Amino acid sequence: MALDFRKLARVSLVFALVGLSPVHAEDPEVIMWDDLQPASNDLDRQRANEPPLSHGQQSPLQAQMSGDVVPELDGKRVKLPAYVVPLDGDQTSLTEMLLVPYFGACVHVPPPPPNQIVHIQSEDGVAIGDLDLYNPVWATGIIRTEALSHEIAEIGYRMEVEELTVYDPRDNPRVVDK
């Protein structure tokens, strides 16, 4: 069977004209947790000068930052390294989970601010395969700036996840070899 390149070109043109793609044409944008916080030199300086807190204590700066999300991220296809906090599912797939920037977040008090928590819910479940949830994963999908109040934390983002894969820092273009 010979390929009809003219027919293939017409189909590709139709997909391009209506903004569709049979597969994702672009790689996802790699983002890090600091990308989920609005940029502010004043907040960074304040955070650097905050005194240490006791376990379970929230600083005034954390309270100030708690609702700030980055609206420009809404609807972007991203890839984020994260730790998974399972909320519902079984040994093979999760139907609800949180993505957090460090191991143990949301299990220990206080949880991270809402702009440092991403909620995932999937009726079909997200396959976890051989992933070790004690180690970080890459989460790839469409991120949304949607607030959610959950019993264990206030959440600032939601993700329509495509896949969870093993995190390897060599796959991160933002990690610089030293």
Protein backbone atom coordinates (compact mmCIF):
# COMPACT_ATOMS: atom_id res chain seq x y z
CA MET A 1 0.00 0.00 0.00
CA ALA A 2 1.55 3.28 -1.12
CA LEU A 3 1.23 6.45 0.90
CA ASP A 4 -0.76 9.19 -0.78
CA PHE A 5 1.21 12.25 0.30
CA ARG A 6 -1.32 14.67 -1.22
CA LYS A 7 -4.12 13.12 0.84
CA LEU A 8 -1.94 13.16 3.96
CA ALA A 9 -1.09 16.84 3.33
CA ARG A 10 -4.81 17.71 2.94
CA VAL A 11 -5.70 15.94 6.21
CA SER A 12 -2.85 17.73 8.00
CA LEU A 13 -4.02 21.05 6.57
CA VAL A 14 -7.58 20.42 7.80
CA PHE A 15 -6.29 19.64 11.31
CA ALA A 16 -4.16 22.80 11.24
CA LEU A 17 -7.03 24.99 10.04
CA VAL A 18 -9.41 23.86 12.77
CA GLY A 19 -6.73 23.90 15.44
CA LEU A 20 -6.75 20.18 16.05
CA SER A 21 -3.96 17.70 16.12
CA PRO A 22 -4.20 13.93 16.09
CA VAL A 23 -1.32 13.96 18.59
CA HIS A 24 0.19 16.74 20.67
CA ALA A 25 2.24 18.70 18.19
CA GLU A 26 4.34 20.41 20.83
CA ASP A 27 6.22 19.18 23.82
CA PRO A 28 4.73 20.37 27.11
CA GLU A 29 6.29 23.41 28.76
CA VAL A 30 8.44 22.28 31.68
CA ILE A 31 7.50 24.30 34.74
CA MET A 32 8.78 24.24 38.30
CA TRP A 33 6.98 25.02 41.54
CA ASP A 34 8.19 28.60 41.67
CA ASP A 35 6.44 29.14 38.31
CA LEU A 36 3.12 28.54 40.12
CA GLN A 37 3.71 31.61 42.29
CA PRO A 38 3.38 35.15 40.95
CA ALA A 39 6.76 36.83 40.61
CA SER A 40 7.46 39.37 43.32
CA ASN A 41 10.85 40.51 44.48
CA ASP A 42 9.27 42.00 47.60
CA LEU A 43 7.76 38.63 48.61
CA ASP A 44 11.06 36.85 47.92
CA ARG A 45 12.95 39.32 50.11
CA GLN A 46 10.35 39.02 52.86
CA ARG A 47 10.47 35.21 52.70
CA ALA A 48 14.26 35.24 52.99
CA ASN A 49 14.05 37.42 56.11
CA GLU A 50 11.30 35.48 57.91
CA PRO A 51 12.18 34.03 61.31
CA PRO A 52 11.96 30.23 61.73
CA LEU A 53 8.52 28.90 62.64
CA SER A 54 7.47 26.14 64.96
CA HIS A 55 5.76 23.06 63.53
CA GLY A 56 2.19 23.87 62.52
CA GLN A 57 2.63 27.65 62.63
CA GLN A 58 1.79 29.75 59.56
CA SER A 59 3.66 32.97 58.93
CA PRO A 60 1.93 36.22 57.92
CA LEU A 61 3.75 35.94 54.57
CA GLN A 62 2.31 32.45 53.94
CA ALA A 63 -1.16 33.79 54.68
CA GLN A 64 -0.55 36.72 52.29
CA MET A 65 0.60 34.38 49.48
CA SER A 66 -2.12 31.79 49.98
CA GLY A 67 -4.46 32.81 47.16
CA ASP A 68 -2.03 33.99 44.51
CA VAL A 69 -1.96 31.92 41.32
CA VAL A 70 -0.54 32.69 37.88
CA PRO A 71 -3.51 33.22 35.54
CA GLU A 72 -1.29 32.97 32.43
CA LEU A 73 -0.79 29.26 33.16
CA ASP A 74 -4.50 28.47 32.76
CA GLY A 75 -5.01 26.06 29.86
CA LYS A 76 -1.29 25.41 29.18
CA ARG A 77 0.05 21.94 28.57
CA VAL A 78 2.82 21.52 31.13
CA LYS A 79 5.21 19.01 32.63
CA LEU A 80 5.82 19.42 36.38
CA PRO A 81 8.08 17.40 38.71
CA ALA A 82 6.09 16.59 41.84
CA TYR A 83 5.35 14.27 44.70
CA VAL A 84 1.99 12.51 44.69
CA VAL A 85 -0.37 12.51 47.67
CA PRO A 86 -2.90 9.75 46.87
CA LEU A 87 -6.47 10.54 47.91
CA ASP A 88 -8.47 7.79 46.16
CA GLY A 89 -7.73 4.78 43.99
CA ASP A 90 -6.11 1.37 44.22
CA GLN A 91 -2.76 -0.38 43.64
CA THR A 92 -2.81 0.20 39.86
CA SER A 93 -4.42 3.61 39.37
CA LEU A 94 -5.46 6.73 41.24
CA THR A 95 -8.76 8.51 40.69
CA GLU A 96 -7.90 11.46 42.93
CA MET A 97 -4.57 12.86 44.08
CA LEU A 98 -2.65 15.99 44.92
CA LEU A 99 0.67 17.06 43.44
CA VAL A 100 2.96 18.81 45.91
CA PRO A 101 6.52 20.19 45.78
CA TYR A 102 8.07 18.06 48.54
CA PHE A 103 7.58 14.65 50.12
CA GLY A 104 5.10 14.58 52.99
CA ALA A 105 3.32 17.82 52.12
CA CYS A 106 -0.36 17.82 53.17
CA VAL A 107 0.32 14.89 55.48
CA HIS A 108 2.19 17.11 57.90
CA VAL A 109 0.83 20.40 59.15
CA PRO A 110 0.63 23.04 57.77
CA PRO A 111 0.05 22.20 54.12
CA PRO A 112 1.78 24.28 51.46
CA PRO A 113 -0.03 27.42 50.25
CA PRO A 114 -2.74 26.78 47.62
CA ASN A 115 -0.47 27.91 44.80
CA GLN A 116 1.82 25.02 45.69
CA ILE A 117 -0.83 22.28 45.41
CA VAL A 118 -2.32 20.81 42.22
CA HIS A 119 -5.47 18.67 42.34
CA ILE A 120 -6.05 15.80 39.92
CA GLN A 121 -9.29 13.88 39.57
CA SER A 122 -9.92 11.26 36.89
CA GLU A 123 -12.99 9.06 36.54
CA ASP A 124 -10.98 6.52 34.53
CA GLY A 125 -8.02 6.64 36.91
CA VAL A 126 -4.42 7.55 36.23
CA ALA A 127 -2.18 4.50 35.85
CA ILE A 128 0.65 4.43 38.37
CA GLY A 129 2.27 1.29 36.99
CA ASP A 130 5.65 0.72 38.62
CA LEU A 131 5.90 4.25 40.05
CA ASP A 132 7.23 4.51 43.58
CA LEU A 133 5.10 7.26 45.11
CA TYR A 134 7.81 7.96 47.69
CA ASN A 135 9.87 9.42 44.84
CA PRO A 136 9.07 12.35 42.55
CA VAL A 137 7.22 11.92 39.26
CA TRP A 138 6.75 13.94 36.12
CA ALA A 139 3.09 14.97 35.78
CA THR A 140 2.12 15.99 32.25
CA GLY A 141 -1.20 17.59 31.35
CA ILE A 142 -3.30 20.73 31.04
CA ILE A 143 -3.11 22.95 34.11
CA ARG A 144 -6.07 25.07 35.25
CA THR A 145 -6.20 27.93 37.75
CA GLU A 146 -9.17 26.67 39.72
CA ALA A 147 -9.45 27.00 43.48
CA LEU A 148 -10.72 24.05 45.47
CA SER A 149 -11.31 23.63 49.17
CA HIS A 150 -10.46 20.10 50.30
CA GLU A 151 -10.56 18.73 53.84
CA ILE A 152 -6.75 18.57 54.02
CA ALA A 153 -5.81 21.76 52.15
CA GLU A 154 -6.85 24.76 50.11
CA ILE A 155 -5.84 24.18 46.48
CA GLY A 156 -5.06 26.74 43.76
CA TYR A 157 -4.59 24.60 40.65
CA ARG A 158 -6.14 21.60 38.90
CA MET A 159 -4.57 19.42 36.22
CA GLU A 160 -6.14 17.33 33.49
CA VAL A 161 -3.35 14.78 33.68
CA GLU A 162 -2.21 12.81 30.63
CA GLU A 163 0.44 10.73 32.34
CA LEU A 164 2.64 10.24 35.37
CA THR A 165 6.16 9.02 34.70
CA VAL A 166 9.32 8.47 36.72
CA TYR A 167 11.15 11.73 37.40
CA ASP A 168 14.68 11.80 36.10
CA PRO A 169 16.54 15.10 36.53
CA ARG A 170 18.35 14.42 33.24
CA ASP A 171 14.97 14.90 31.51
CA ASN A 172 14.65 18.39 32.99
CA PRO A 173 15.95 21.11 30.68
CA ARG A 174 15.91 23.54 33.60
CA VAL A 175 18.41 21.55 35.65
CA VAL A 176 21.94 22.74 34.92
CA ASP A 177 24.79 20.25 35.09
CA LYS A 178 27.53 21.41 37.43
